[in-house]
Amino acid sequence: MPYVLLLHGHMGAPPPHWQSWLAHELAETGCVVEVPQLSEPDRPRLDLWLAELAHHLEAVPADDDERIVLAHSCGALLWLHHAARLVDGERQPLRFDRAMLVSPPGPRWHHPDVHGFTPAPLDPAGVRRAAGWTQLVAGDDDAACSVDEAVDMASALKVDLDIIPGGAHLDGHAGYGPWPAVRDWVADRHTRMVTNR
């Protein structure tokens, strides 16, 4: 069974957020699911979150069938910062098989309580060191990231991009609690991300 790591964003991922729903869905199928609660989600600091992510990655089991990370919003930016710090020849945490980065804020996004996350480094080699397959998912009307910014990000990283019509920030406020497509993607990376409606 796969090991699935869910990285939340600013303000966490309480119900009805799709990450809370997905954790329950996957646990019922026997997946090993980790949902770390990163410090001060209402006032996230990149340096602290990177240290906490490194701690979690050190404990990732090496014997699972597949290692998958699904990161939302600032959690997606956290993954990009982590990936950019991976250097060839140095001891690395276990490489993930797949990563899905959902609604990463664009380079012009700013929030007074969020420190150090933007602009995120767009390092395609680092992203490949962090995971064998990475894709981005964004709403076409996300106030934190325009479609053009999402396209530029995916192009710079050399990864696939799914655009969700009317998806906004793809969180609980946008109606993304139950989201069958994301559950199906865990089973098959060729699943395209579509609206939950």
C-alpha atoms as a PDB file:
ATOM      1  CA  MET A   1       0.000   0.000   0.000  1.00  0.00           C
ATOM      2  CA  PRO A   2       1.232   3.529  -0.691  1.00  0.00           C
ATOM      3  CA  TYR A   3       2.478   5.992   1.880  1.00  0.00           C
ATOM      4  CA  VAL A   4       0.678   9.329   1.426  1.00  0.00           C
ATOM      5  CA  LEU A   5       1.900  12.607   2.905  1.00  0.00           C
ATOM      6  CA  LEU A   6      -0.569  15.518   2.971  1.00  0.00           C
ATOM      7  CA  LEU A   7       0.939  18.989   3.398  1.00  0.00           C
ATOM      8  CA  HIS A   8      -1.544  21.682   4.360  1.00  0.00           C
ATOM      9  CA  GLY A   9      -1.301  25.370   3.565  1.00  0.00           C
ATOM     10  CA  HIS A  10      -1.983  28.634   5.354  1.00  0.00           C
ATOM     11  CA  MET A  11      -4.683  28.122   8.016  1.00  0.00           C
ATOM     12  CA  GLY A  12      -4.345  24.330   7.849  1.00  0.00           C
ATOM     13  CA  ALA A  13      -6.862  21.962   6.276  1.00  0.00           C
ATOM     14  CA  PRO A  14      -9.742  21.449   8.712  1.00  0.00           C
ATOM     15  CA  PRO A  15     -13.007  19.916   7.453  1.00  0.00           C
ATOM     16  CA  PRO A  16     -14.524  20.424   4.950  1.00  0.00           C
ATOM     17  CA  HIS A  17     -11.127  20.735   3.212  1.00  0.00           C
ATOM     18  CA  TRP A  18     -10.428  17.962   0.674  1.00  0.00           C
ATOM     19  CA  GLN A  19      -7.248  16.958   2.512  1.00  0.00           C
ATOM     20  CA  SER A  20      -9.270  16.049   5.615  1.00  0.00           C
ATOM     21  CA  TRP A  21     -11.712  14.090   3.462  1.00  0.00           C
ATOM     22  CA  LEU A  22      -8.908  12.386   1.533  1.00  0.00           C
ATOM     23  CA  ALA A  23      -7.047  11.329   4.690  1.00  0.00           C
ATOM     24  CA  HIS A  24     -10.161   9.506   5.895  1.00  0.00           C
ATOM     25  CA  GLU A  25     -10.868   7.964   2.491  1.00  0.00           C
ATOM     26  CA  LEU A  26      -7.329   6.636   2.086  1.00  0.00           C
ATOM     27  CA  ALA A  27      -7.036   5.360   5.649  1.00  0.00           C
ATOM     28  CA  GLU A  28     -10.151   3.250   5.062  1.00  0.00           C
ATOM     29  CA  THR A  29      -8.422   1.550   2.117  1.00  0.00           C
ATOM     30  CA  GLY A  30      -5.369   0.660   4.202  1.00  0.00           C
ATOM     31  CA  CYS A  31      -3.026   3.387   2.947  1.00  0.00           C
ATOM     32  CA  VAL A  32      -0.492   4.777   5.375  1.00  0.00           C
ATOM     33  CA  VAL A  33      -1.502   8.450   5.589  1.00  0.00           C
ATOM     34  CA  GLU A  34       0.458  11.163   7.397  1.00  0.00           C
ATOM     35  CA  VAL A  35      -1.080  14.579   7.957  1.00  0.00           C
ATOM     36  CA  PRO A  36       1.493  16.595   9.898  1.00  0.00           C
ATOM     37  CA  GLN A  37       0.179  19.695  11.620  1.00  0.00           C
ATOM     38  CA  LEU A  38       2.816  22.283  10.787  1.00  0.00           C
ATOM     39  CA  SER A  39       3.452  24.993  13.368  1.00  0.00           C
ATOM     40  CA  GLU A  40       1.326  28.117  13.543  1.00  0.00           C
ATOM     41  CA  PRO A  41      -0.653  27.530  10.339  1.00  0.00           C
ATOM     42  CA  ASP A  42      -2.272  30.950  10.751  1.00  0.00           C
ATOM     43  CA  ARG A  43       1.198  32.591  10.738  1.00  0.00           C
ATOM     44  CA  PRO A  44       3.450  30.187   8.800  1.00  0.00           C
ATOM     45  CA  ARG A  45       7.201  30.748   8.587  1.00  0.00           C
ATOM     46  CA  LEU A  46       9.115  29.011   5.828  1.00  0.00           C
ATOM     47  CA  ASP A  47      12.223  28.273   7.888  1.00  0.00           C
ATOM     48  CA  LEU A  48      10.209  26.551  10.617  1.00  0.00           C
ATOM     49  CA  TRP A  49       8.062  24.590   8.176  1.00  0.00           C
ATOM     50  CA  LEU A  50      11.141  23.437   6.232  1.00  0.00           C
ATOM     51  CA  ALA A  51      12.687  22.097   9.435  1.00  0.00           C
ATOM     52  CA  GLU A  52       9.464  20.302  10.334  1.00  0.00           C
ATOM     53  CA  LEU A  53       9.146  18.855   6.833  1.00  0.00           C
ATOM     54  CA  ALA A  54      12.728  17.572   7.014  1.00  0.00           C
ATOM     55  CA  HIS A  55      11.890  15.865  10.318  1.00  0.00           C
ATOM     56  CA  HIS A  56       8.832  14.172   8.783  1.00  0.00           C
ATOM     57  CA  LEU A  57      10.755  13.085   5.687  1.00  0.00           C
ATOM     58  CA  GLU A  58      13.418  11.402   7.820  1.00  0.00           C
ATOM     59  CA  ALA A  59      10.701   9.104   9.172  1.00  0.00           C
ATOM     60  CA  VAL A  60       9.182   8.132   5.808  1.00  0.00           C
ATOM     61  CA  PRO A  61       9.150   4.319   5.524  1.00  0.00           C
ATOM     62  CA  ALA A  62      11.400   2.888   2.836  1.00  0.00           C
ATOM     63  CA  ASP A  63       9.396  -0.282   2.263  1.00  0.00           C
ATOM     64  CA  ASP A  64       6.053   1.066   1.025  1.00  0.00           C
ATOM     65  CA  ASP A  65       4.918   0.313  -2.507  1.00  0.00           C
ATOM     66  CA  GLU A  66       4.815   3.988  -3.427  1.00  0.00           C
ATOM     67  CA  ARG A  67       5.453   7.343  -1.730  1.00  0.00           C
ATOM     68  CA  ILE A  68       3.044  10.126  -2.663  1.00  0.00           C
ATOM     69  CA  VAL A  69       2.784  13.741  -1.498  1.00  0.00           C
ATOM     70  CA  LEU A  70      -0.233  15.970  -2.032  1.00  0.00           C
ATOM     71  CA  ALA A  71       0.392  19.574  -1.020  1.00  0.00           C
ATOM     72  CA  HIS A  72      -2.030  22.493  -1.002  1.00  0.00           C
ATOM     73  CA  SER A  73      -1.355  26.225  -1.257  1.00  0.00           C
ATOM     74  CA  CYS A  74       1.588  27.203   0.999  1.00  0.00           C
ATOM     75  CA  GLY A  75       2.226  23.482   1.446  1.00  0.00           C
ATOM     76  CA  ALA A  76       2.883  23.322  -2.316  1.00  0.00           C
ATOM     77  CA  LEU A  77       5.306  26.247  -2.035  1.00  0.00           C
ATOM     78  CA  LEU A  78       6.948  24.486   0.915  1.00  0.00           C
ATOM     79  CA  TRP A  79       7.551  21.443  -1.315  1.00  0.00           C
ATOM     80  CA  LEU A  80       9.107  23.654  -4.017  1.00  0.00           C
ATOM     81  CA  HIS A  81      11.459  25.249  -1.483  1.00  0.00           C
ATOM     82  CA  HIS A  82      12.357  21.790  -0.171  1.00  0.00           C
ATOM     83  CA  ALA A  83      13.027  20.519  -3.702  1.00  0.00           C
ATOM     84  CA  ALA A  84      15.264  23.481  -4.550  1.00  0.00           C
ATOM     85  CA  ARG A  85      17.461  22.697  -1.528  1.00  0.00           C
ATOM     86  CA  LEU A  86      18.203  19.130  -2.662  1.00  0.00           C
ATOM     87  CA  VAL A  87      21.751  18.952  -4.008  1.00  0.00           C
ATOM     88  CA  ASP A  88      23.274  16.120  -6.049  1.00  0.00           C
ATOM     89  CA  GLY A  89      25.823  14.119  -4.120  1.00  0.00           C
ATOM     90  CA  GLU A  90      24.496  15.010  -0.682  1.00  0.00           C
ATOM     91  CA  ARG A  91      22.582  12.630   1.561  1.00  0.00           C
ATOM     92  CA  GLN A  92      18.934  13.023   0.592  1.00  0.00           C
ATOM     93  CA  PRO A  93      15.643  12.064   2.161  1.00  0.00           C
ATOM     94  CA  LEU A  94      13.819   9.257   0.377  1.00  0.00           C
ATOM     95  CA  ARG A  95      12.624  10.330  -3.036  1.00  0.00           C
ATOM     96  CA  PHE A  96       8.872  10.361  -3.502  1.00  0.00           C
ATOM     97  CA  ASP A  97       7.321   8.620  -6.468  1.00  0.00           C
ATOM     98  CA  ARG A  98       4.717  11.303  -7.090  1.00  0.00           C
ATOM     99  CA  ALA A  99       3.835  14.816  -6.015  1.00  0.00           C
ATOM    100  CA  MET A 100       0.699  16.825  -6.656  1.00  0.00           C
ATOM    101  CA  LEU A 101       0.927  20.551  -5.952  1.00  0.00           C
ATOM    102  CA  VAL A 102      -2.546  22.057  -5.657  1.00  0.00           C
ATOM    103  CA  SER A 103      -3.172  25.817  -5.845  1.00  0.00           C
ATOM    104  CA  PRO A 104       0.378  27.051  -5.258  1.00  0.00           C
ATOM    105  CA  PRO A 105       0.192  30.840  -4.838  1.00  0.00           C
ATOM    106  CA  GLY A 106       1.829  32.815  -7.610  1.00  0.00           C
ATOM    107  CA  PRO A 107       4.939  34.987  -7.264  1.00  0.00           C
ATOM    108  CA  ARG A 108       2.956  38.195  -6.708  1.00  0.00           C
ATOM    109  CA  TRP A 109       0.767  36.769  -3.941  1.00  0.00           C
ATOM    110  CA  HIS A 110       1.323  38.315  -0.522  1.00  0.00           C
ATOM    111  CA  HIS A 111      -0.284  37.815   2.865  1.00  0.00           C
ATOM    112  CA  PRO A 112       0.896  39.774   5.911  1.00  0.00           C
ATOM    113  CA  ASP A 113       0.911  36.660   8.116  1.00  0.00           C
ATOM    114  CA  VAL A 114       2.812  34.399   5.688  1.00  0.00           C
ATOM    115  CA  HIS A 115       6.597  34.742   5.779  1.00  0.00           C
ATOM    116  CA  GLY A 116       9.213  33.596   3.279  1.00  0.00           C
ATOM    117  CA  PHE A 117       7.159  31.446   0.911  1.00  0.00           C
ATOM    118  CA  THR A 118       6.919  33.693  -2.167  1.00  0.00           C
ATOM    119  CA  PRO A 119       8.285  33.798  -4.701  1.00  0.00           C
ATOM    120  CA  ALA A 120       8.888  30.062  -4.701  1.00  0.00           C
ATOM    121  CA  PRO A 121      12.007  28.721  -6.449  1.00  0.00           C
ATOM    122  CA  LEU A 122      11.192  27.015  -9.729  1.00  0.00           C
ATOM    123  CA  ASP A 123      13.939  24.413  -9.956  1.00  0.00           C
ATOM    124  CA  PRO A 124      13.032  21.601 -12.377  1.00  0.00           C
ATOM    125  CA  ALA A 125      16.076  19.504 -11.447  1.00  0.00           C
ATOM    126  CA  GLY A 126      15.243  19.844  -7.755  1.00  0.00           C
ATOM    127  CA  VAL A 127      11.638  18.869  -8.387  1.00  0.00           C
ATOM    128  CA  ARG A 128      12.851  15.720 -10.176  1.00  0.00           C
ATOM    129  CA  ARG A 129      15.161  14.917  -7.259  1.00  0.00           C
ATOM    130  CA  ALA A 130      12.252  15.299  -4.836  1.00  0.00           C
ATOM    131  CA  ALA A 131       9.749  13.152  -6.780  1.00  0.00           C
ATOM    132  CA  GLY A 132       9.681  11.004  -9.881  1.00  0.00           C
ATOM    133  CA  TRP A 133       6.496  12.628 -11.172  1.00  0.00           C
ATOM    134  CA  THR A 134       5.092  16.042 -10.279  1.00  0.00           C
ATOM    135  CA  GLN A 135       2.021  17.849 -11.472  1.00  0.00           C
ATOM    136  CA  LEU A 136       0.309  21.131 -10.683  1.00  0.00           C
ATOM    137  CA  VAL A 137      -3.412  21.738 -10.292  1.00  0.00           C
ATOM    138  CA  ALA A 138      -4.969  25.207 -10.212  1.00  0.00           C
ATOM    139  CA  GLY A 139      -8.371  26.849 -10.446  1.00  0.00           C
ATOM    140  CA  ASP A 140      -8.909  29.197 -13.362  1.00  0.00           C
ATOM    141  CA  ASP A 141     -10.219  31.895 -11.009  1.00  0.00           C
ATOM    142  CA  ASP A 142      -7.844  31.589  -8.056  1.00  0.00           C
ATOM    143  CA  ALA A 143      -7.157  35.005  -6.519  1.00  0.00           C
ATOM    144  CA  ALA A 144      -3.773  33.727  -5.285  1.00  0.00           C
ATOM    145  CA  CYS A 145      -2.534  32.551  -8.701  1.00  0.00           C
ATOM    146  CA  SER A 146      -3.682  33.542 -12.175  1.00  0.00           C
ATOM    147  CA  VAL A 147      -3.894  31.010 -14.986  1.00  0.00           C
ATOM    148  CA  ASP A 148      -0.920  32.706 -16.665  1.00  0.00           C
ATOM    149  CA  GLU A 149       1.128  32.362 -13.477  1.00  0.00           C
ATOM    150  CA  ALA A 150       0.151  28.703 -13.140  1.00  0.00           C
ATOM    151  CA  VAL A 151       1.102  28.053 -16.779  1.00  0.00           C
ATOM    152  CA  ASP A 152       4.442  29.834 -16.300  1.00  0.00           C
ATOM    153  CA  MET A 153       5.118  27.840 -13.132  1.00  0.00           C
ATOM    154  CA  ALA A 154       4.346  24.491 -14.794  1.00  0.00           C
ATOM    155  CA  SER A 155       6.423  25.425 -17.830  1.00  0.00           C
ATOM    156  CA  ALA A 156       9.425  26.474 -15.719  1.00  0.00           C
ATOM    157  CA  LEU A 157       9.211  23.257 -13.688  1.00  0.00           C
ATOM    158  CA  LYS A 158       8.580  21.114 -16.803  1.00  0.00           C
ATOM    159  CA  VAL A 159       5.544  19.434 -15.190  1.00  0.00           C
ATOM    160  CA  ASP A 160       1.935  18.755 -16.161  1.00  0.00           C
ATOM    161  CA  LEU A 161      -0.805  21.210 -15.260  1.00  0.00           C
ATOM    162  CA  ASP A 162      -4.533  20.673 -14.819  1.00  0.00           C
ATOM    163  CA  ILE A 163      -6.721  23.797 -14.761  1.00  0.00           C
ATOM    164  CA  ILE A 164     -10.067  23.448 -12.962  1.00  0.00           C
ATOM    165  CA  PRO A 165     -12.830  25.748 -14.270  1.00  0.00           C
ATOM    166  CA  GLY A 166     -14.394  27.689 -11.410  1.00  0.00           C
ATOM    167  CA  GLY A 167     -12.166  25.944  -8.866  1.00  0.00           C
ATOM    168  CA  ALA A 168     -10.975  29.130  -7.141  1.00  0.00           C
ATOM    169  CA  HIS A 169      -8.381  28.136  -4.479  1.00  0.00           C
ATOM    170  CA  LEU A 170      -9.536  24.480  -4.494  1.00  0.00           C
ATOM    171  CA  ASP A 171     -10.227  24.455  -0.773  1.00  0.00           C
ATOM    172  CA  GLY A 172     -13.188  23.965   1.526  1.00  0.00           C
ATOM    173  CA  HIS A 173     -14.408  27.507   0.936  1.00  0.00           C
ATOM    174  CA  ALA A 174     -14.563  26.762  -2.805  1.00  0.00           C
ATOM    175  CA  GLY A 175     -16.573  23.592  -2.194  1.00  0.00           C
ATOM    176  CA  TYR A 176     -13.658  21.153  -2.347  1.00  0.00           C
ATOM    177  CA  GLY A 177     -14.412  18.784   0.494  1.00  0.00           C
ATOM    178  CA  PRO A 178     -15.134  15.415  -1.148  1.00  0.00           C
ATOM    179  CA  TRP A 179     -13.078  15.379  -4.367  1.00  0.00           C
ATOM    180  CA  PRO A 180     -13.181  11.940  -6.009  1.00  0.00           C
ATOM    181  CA  ALA A 181     -10.667  12.851  -8.722  1.00  0.00           C
ATOM    182  CA  VAL A 182      -7.891  13.435  -6.203  1.00  0.00           C
ATOM    183  CA  ARG A 183      -8.608  10.088  -4.534  1.00  0.00           C
ATOM    184  CA  ASP A 184      -8.544   8.414  -7.949  1.00  0.00           C
ATOM    185  CA  TRP A 185      -5.207  10.102  -8.738  1.00  0.00           C
ATOM    186  CA  VAL A 186      -3.648   8.431  -5.693  1.00  0.00           C
ATOM    187  CA  ALA A 187      -4.585   5.102  -7.282  1.00  0.00           C
ATOM    188  CA  ASP A 188      -3.563   6.141 -10.821  1.00  0.00           C
ATOM    189  CA  ARG A 189      -1.418   9.159 -11.681  1.00  0.00           C
ATOM    190  CA  HIS A 190      -2.936   9.308 -15.164  1.00  0.00           C
ATOM    191  CA  THR A 191      -6.229  10.483 -13.643  1.00  0.00           C
ATOM    192  CA  ARG A 192      -6.973  14.033 -14.754  1.00  0.00           C
ATOM    193  CA  MET A 193      -8.045  16.471 -12.098  1.00  0.00           C
ATOM    194  CA  VAL A 194     -11.583  17.664 -12.701  1.00  0.00           C
ATOM    195  CA  THR A 195     -14.138  19.640 -10.759  1.00  0.00           C
ATOM    196  CA  ASN A 196     -15.835  17.936  -7.829  1.00  0.00           C
ATOM    197  CA  ARG A 197     -19.229  19.083  -9.082  1.00  0.00           C
END
